[in-house]
């Protein structure tokens, strides 16, 4: 089915509901994160909760990389605060940003997971790069108009995704 290319491998209400210890035990060593509406509300700086999360992930042994379609002035200060690698202007869902991020972290598709809030950029890009994807709920409803329009289409895809999950 055409829509399956947009289905996430896993879902969670937020990044804080993902069992990172289990992922580490399963061999995951690289974590790719979208920023806006995944880690913080759109445009917000890194808060204490996110800073603590990234510190814990580093202590566990993970490499992290922020991968965003935003430009350097948005990404660099955020990455510095959470002490993470980053890819700016990633052109998600293009595979190039995901592949570059894995190269930076020294991981491959089998040991990398992507976490984001959008199906058509985040999840689809991860799938195209052969990476397991986690879809989290958007943090805040306030979004740019082009994202608002995509959210309507995402609801259709998620309807079929959830219907299939109930079957299987």
C-alpha atoms as a PDB file:
ATOM      1  CA  UNK A   1       0.000   0.000   0.000  1.00  0.00           C
ATOM      2  CA  UNK A   2       1.263   3.464  -0.956  1.00  0.00           C
ATOM      3  CA  UNK A   3       0.682   4.920   2.520  1.00  0.00           C
ATOM      4  CA  UNK A   4       2.991   2.424   4.276  1.00  0.00           C
ATOM      5  CA  UNK A   5       6.043   4.452   3.232  1.00  0.00           C
ATOM      6  CA  UNK A   6       4.848   7.075   5.729  1.00  0.00           C
ATOM      7  CA  UNK A   7       4.072   4.705   8.608  1.00  0.00           C
ATOM      8  CA  UNK A   8       6.327   5.087  11.647  1.00  0.00           C
ATOM      9  CA  UNK A   9       7.976   1.993  13.058  1.00  0.00           C
ATOM     10  CA  UNK A  10       6.981   3.065  16.573  1.00  0.00           C
ATOM     11  CA  UNK A  11       4.876   5.737  18.258  1.00  0.00           C
ATOM     12  CA  UNK A  12       5.110   7.465  21.624  1.00  0.00           C
ATOM     13  CA  UNK A  13       3.299  10.423  23.154  1.00  0.00           C
ATOM     14  CA  UNK A  14       6.629  12.263  23.619  1.00  0.00           C
ATOM     15  CA  UNK A  15      10.388  11.719  23.609  1.00  0.00           C
ATOM     16  CA  UNK A  16      10.137  11.253  27.382  1.00  0.00           C
ATOM     17  CA  UNK A  17       7.987   8.152  26.894  1.00  0.00           C
ATOM     18  CA  UNK A  18      10.603   6.288  24.841  1.00  0.00           C
ATOM     19  CA  UNK A  19      12.552   3.617  26.718  1.00  0.00           C
ATOM     20  CA  UNK A  20      16.064   4.646  25.703  1.00  0.00           C
ATOM     21  CA  UNK A  21      17.677   2.067  27.993  1.00  0.00           C
ATOM     22  CA  UNK A  22      15.942  -0.711  26.048  1.00  0.00           C
ATOM     23  CA  UNK A  23      17.054   0.824  22.757  1.00  0.00           C
ATOM     24  CA  UNK A  24      20.636   0.826  24.013  1.00  0.00           C
ATOM     25  CA  UNK A  25      20.349  -2.825  25.093  1.00  0.00           C
ATOM     26  CA  UNK A  26      19.053  -3.637  21.578  1.00  0.00           C
ATOM     27  CA  UNK A  27      22.239  -2.175  20.061  1.00  0.00           C
ATOM     28  CA  UNK A  28      21.109   1.328  19.142  1.00  0.00           C
ATOM     29  CA  UNK A  29      24.007   3.779  19.525  1.00  0.00           C
ATOM     30  CA  UNK A  30      22.900   6.768  17.460  1.00  0.00           C
ATOM     31  CA  UNK A  31      19.828   8.905  18.052  1.00  0.00           C
ATOM     32  CA  UNK A  32      18.675  11.449  15.484  1.00  0.00           C
ATOM     33  CA  UNK A  33      16.194  14.062  16.686  1.00  0.00           C
ATOM     34  CA  UNK A  34      14.032  16.623  14.988  1.00  0.00           C
ATOM     35  CA  UNK A  35      13.839  19.777  17.158  1.00  0.00           C
ATOM     36  CA  UNK A  36      10.686  21.846  16.651  1.00  0.00           C
ATOM     37  CA  UNK A  37       7.567  20.278  18.125  1.00  0.00           C
ATOM     38  CA  UNK A  38       9.566  17.123  18.912  1.00  0.00           C
ATOM     39  CA  UNK A  39      11.876  18.374  21.680  1.00  0.00           C
ATOM     40  CA  UNK A  40      10.455  21.868  22.290  1.00  0.00           C
ATOM     41  CA  UNK A  41       7.616  24.021  20.940  1.00  0.00           C
ATOM     42  CA  UNK A  42       8.325  25.524  17.518  1.00  0.00           C
ATOM     43  CA  UNK A  43      11.132  28.092  17.767  1.00  0.00           C
ATOM     44  CA  UNK A  44      11.720  27.655  21.514  1.00  0.00           C
ATOM     45  CA  UNK A  45      15.223  27.344  22.972  1.00  0.00           C
ATOM     46  CA  UNK A  46      16.438  24.185  24.688  1.00  0.00           C
ATOM     47  CA  UNK A  47      14.864  23.978  28.130  1.00  0.00           C
ATOM     48  CA  UNK A  48      16.193  22.275  31.264  1.00  0.00           C
ATOM     49  CA  UNK A  49      14.191  19.089  30.616  1.00  0.00           C
ATOM     50  CA  UNK A  50      15.757  18.640  27.159  1.00  0.00           C
ATOM     51  CA  UNK A  51      19.234  19.477  28.468  1.00  0.00           C
ATOM     52  CA  UNK A  52      18.849  16.803  31.178  1.00  0.00           C
ATOM     53  CA  UNK A  53      17.563  14.269  28.624  1.00  0.00           C
ATOM     54  CA  UNK A  54      20.582  14.744  26.373  1.00  0.00           C
ATOM     55  CA  UNK A  55      22.972  14.541  29.344  1.00  0.00           C
ATOM     56  CA  UNK A  56      21.355  11.228  30.346  1.00  0.00           C
ATOM     57  CA  UNK A  57      21.582   9.929  26.768  1.00  0.00           C
ATOM     58  CA  UNK A  58      25.307  10.768  26.649  1.00  0.00           C
ATOM     59  CA  UNK A  59      25.841   9.055  30.021  1.00  0.00           C
ATOM     60  CA  UNK A  60      24.099   5.957  28.673  1.00  0.00           C
ATOM     61  CA  UNK A  61      26.518   5.888  25.741  1.00  0.00           C
ATOM     62  CA  UNK A  62      24.436   7.287  22.886  1.00  0.00           C
ATOM     63  CA  UNK A  63      25.683   9.605  20.179  1.00  0.00           C
ATOM     64  CA  UNK A  64      23.078  12.226  19.287  1.00  0.00           C
ATOM     65  CA  UNK A  65      22.514  14.419  16.284  1.00  0.00           C
ATOM     66  CA  UNK A  66      19.858  17.051  15.681  1.00  0.00           C
ATOM     67  CA  UNK A  67      18.637  16.948  12.103  1.00  0.00           C
ATOM     68  CA  UNK A  68      16.527  19.862  10.988  1.00  0.00           C
ATOM     69  CA  UNK A  69      15.346  21.695   7.913  1.00  0.00           C
ATOM     70  CA  UNK A  70      15.964  24.932   9.825  1.00  0.00           C
ATOM     71  CA  UNK A  71      18.991  27.148   9.284  1.00  0.00           C
ATOM     72  CA  UNK A  72      22.129  27.488  11.421  1.00  0.00           C
ATOM     73  CA  UNK A  73      20.934  30.477  13.545  1.00  0.00           C
ATOM     74  CA  UNK A  74      18.135  28.262  14.908  1.00  0.00           C
ATOM     75  CA  UNK A  75      20.081  25.006  15.225  1.00  0.00           C
ATOM     76  CA  UNK A  76      23.548  25.948  16.469  1.00  0.00           C
ATOM     77  CA  UNK A  77      22.512  27.584  19.793  1.00  0.00           C
ATOM     78  CA  UNK A  78      20.162  24.659  20.495  1.00  0.00           C
ATOM     79  CA  UNK A  79      22.857  22.083  19.686  1.00  0.00           C
ATOM     80  CA  UNK A  80      25.388  23.899  21.882  1.00  0.00           C
ATOM     81  CA  UNK A  81      22.991  23.878  24.842  1.00  0.00           C
ATOM     82  CA  UNK A  82      22.255  20.147  24.580  1.00  0.00           C
ATOM     83  CA  UNK A  83      25.829  19.307  23.498  1.00  0.00           C
ATOM     84  CA  UNK A  84      24.812  17.431  20.357  1.00  0.00           C
ATOM     85  CA  UNK A  85      26.010  17.087  16.792  1.00  0.00           C
ATOM     86  CA  UNK A  86      23.682  18.675  14.267  1.00  0.00           C
ATOM     87  CA  UNK A  87      22.723  18.909  10.616  1.00  0.00           C
ATOM     88  CA  UNK A  88      21.180  22.208   9.473  1.00  0.00           C
ATOM     89  CA  UNK A  89      19.145  22.655   6.312  1.00  0.00           C
ATOM     90  CA  UNK A  90      18.818  18.866   6.012  1.00  0.00           C
ATOM     91  CA  UNK A  91      16.190  18.949   3.251  1.00  0.00           C
ATOM     92  CA  UNK A  92      14.185  16.189   4.943  1.00  0.00           C
ATOM     93  CA  UNK A  93      12.856  13.845   3.605  1.00  0.00           C
ATOM     94  CA  UNK A  94      16.031  13.652   1.496  1.00  0.00           C
ATOM     95  CA  UNK A  95      18.286  10.779   2.596  1.00  0.00           C
ATOM     96  CA  UNK A  96      21.404  12.972   2.482  1.00  0.00           C
ATOM     97  CA  UNK A  97      20.947  14.615   5.895  1.00  0.00           C
ATOM     98  CA  UNK A  98      20.266  11.310   7.616  1.00  0.00           C
ATOM     99  CA  UNK A  99      23.317   9.684   6.000  1.00  0.00           C
ATOM    100  CA  UNK A 100      25.515  12.658   6.911  1.00  0.00           C
ATOM    101  CA  UNK A 101      24.276  12.499  10.517  1.00  0.00           C
ATOM    102  CA  UNK A 102      25.093   8.791  10.784  1.00  0.00           C
ATOM    103  CA  UNK A 103      28.560   9.428   9.374  1.00  0.00           C
ATOM    104  CA  UNK A 104      29.118  12.167  11.989  1.00  0.00           C
ATOM    105  CA  UNK A 105      28.035   9.819  14.779  1.00  0.00           C
ATOM    106  CA  UNK A 106      29.903   6.801  13.431  1.00  0.00           C
ATOM    107  CA  UNK A 107      26.740   4.698  13.257  1.00  0.00           C
ATOM    108  CA  UNK A 108      24.819   2.910  10.516  1.00  0.00           C
ATOM    109  CA  UNK A 109      21.139   2.345   9.803  1.00  0.00           C
ATOM    110  CA  UNK A 110      20.979  -0.790  11.988  1.00  0.00           C
ATOM    111  CA  UNK A 111      22.261   1.078  15.062  1.00  0.00           C
ATOM    112  CA  UNK A 112      20.456   4.390  14.551  1.00  0.00           C
ATOM    113  CA  UNK A 113      16.947   5.555  15.420  1.00  0.00           C
ATOM    114  CA  UNK A 114      15.191   8.738  14.308  1.00  0.00           C
ATOM    115  CA  UNK A 115      12.646  10.569  16.498  1.00  0.00           C
ATOM    116  CA  UNK A 116      10.367  13.257  15.088  1.00  0.00           C
ATOM    117  CA  UNK A 117       6.823  14.604  14.964  1.00  0.00           C
ATOM    118  CA  UNK A 118       6.043  14.680  11.223  1.00  0.00           C
ATOM    119  CA  UNK A 119       5.241  11.823   8.870  1.00  0.00           C
ATOM    120  CA  UNK A 120       6.063  13.363   5.498  1.00  0.00           C
ATOM    121  CA  UNK A 121       9.464  14.775   6.426  1.00  0.00           C
ATOM    122  CA  UNK A 122      10.776  12.986   9.533  1.00  0.00           C
ATOM    123  CA  UNK A 123       9.395   9.458   9.254  1.00  0.00           C
ATOM    124  CA  UNK A 124       9.500   9.239   5.466  1.00  0.00           C
ATOM    125  CA  UNK A 125      13.097  10.499   5.379  1.00  0.00           C
ATOM    126  CA  UNK A 126      14.160   7.984   8.028  1.00  0.00           C
ATOM    127  CA  UNK A 127      12.509   5.165   6.080  1.00  0.00           C
ATOM    128  CA  UNK A 128      14.267   6.280   2.892  1.00  0.00           C
ATOM    129  CA  UNK A 129      17.595   6.126   4.774  1.00  0.00           C
ATOM    130  CA  UNK A 130      16.820   2.675   6.224  1.00  0.00           C
ATOM    131  CA  UNK A 131      16.526   3.962   9.790  1.00  0.00           C
ATOM    132  CA  UNK A 132      13.945   2.898  12.388  1.00  0.00           C
ATOM    133  CA  UNK A 133      11.592   5.795  13.118  1.00  0.00           C
ATOM    134  CA  UNK A 134       9.689   6.907  16.190  1.00  0.00           C
ATOM    135  CA  UNK A 135       6.793   9.312  15.739  1.00  0.00           C
ATOM    136  CA  UNK A 136       5.950  11.488  18.736  1.00  0.00           C
ATOM    137  CA  UNK A 137       2.959  13.752  19.149  1.00  0.00           C
ATOM    138  CA  UNK A 138       3.610  17.404  18.313  1.00  0.00           C
ATOM    139  CA  UNK A 139       4.268  19.403  21.484  1.00  0.00           C
ATOM    140  CA  UNK A 140       2.335  22.522  20.558  1.00  0.00           C
ATOM    141  CA  UNK A 141      -0.544  23.147  18.138  1.00  0.00           C
ATOM    142  CA  UNK A 142       0.863  26.507  16.905  1.00  0.00           C
ATOM    143  CA  UNK A 143       2.641  25.791  13.621  1.00  0.00           C
ATOM    144  CA  UNK A 144       3.471  27.388  10.298  1.00  0.00           C
ATOM    145  CA  UNK A 145       0.681  27.230   7.710  1.00  0.00           C
ATOM    146  CA  UNK A 146       2.407  24.651   5.472  1.00  0.00           C
ATOM    147  CA  UNK A 147       2.765  22.314   8.451  1.00  0.00           C
ATOM    148  CA  UNK A 148      -0.881  22.839   9.446  1.00  0.00           C
ATOM    149  CA  UNK A 149      -1.912  21.678   5.973  1.00  0.00           C
ATOM    150  CA  UNK A 150       0.356  18.612   6.201  1.00  0.00           C
ATOM    151  CA  UNK A 151      -1.187  17.712   9.576  1.00  0.00           C
ATOM    152  CA  UNK A 152      -4.558  17.192   7.889  1.00  0.00           C
ATOM    153  CA  UNK A 153      -2.992  14.731   5.461  1.00  0.00           C
ATOM    154  CA  UNK A 154      -1.103  13.060   8.320  1.00  0.00           C
ATOM    155  CA  UNK A 155      -4.418  12.336  10.048  1.00  0.00           C
ATOM    156  CA  UNK A 156      -5.517  10.323   7.016  1.00  0.00           C
ATOM    157  CA  UNK A 157      -2.286   8.307   7.006  1.00  0.00           C
ATOM    158  CA  UNK A 158      -2.449   7.748  10.775  1.00  0.00           C
ATOM    159  CA  UNK A 159      -6.038   6.565  10.487  1.00  0.00           C
ATOM    160  CA  UNK A 160      -4.947   3.744   8.157  1.00  0.00           C
ATOM    161  CA  UNK A 161      -1.787   3.092  10.206  1.00  0.00           C
ATOM    162  CA  UNK A 162      -3.792   2.654  13.416  1.00  0.00           C
ATOM    163  CA  UNK A 163      -6.374   0.530  11.635  1.00  0.00           C
ATOM    164  CA  UNK A 164      -3.602  -1.772  10.395  1.00  0.00           C
ATOM    165  CA  UNK A 165      -1.951  -1.898  13.835  1.00  0.00           C
ATOM    166  CA  UNK A 166      -5.228  -3.091  15.382  1.00  0.00           C
ATOM    167  CA  UNK A 167      -5.429  -5.910  12.813  1.00  0.00           C
ATOM    168  CA  UNK A 168      -1.915  -7.136  13.302  1.00  0.00           C
END
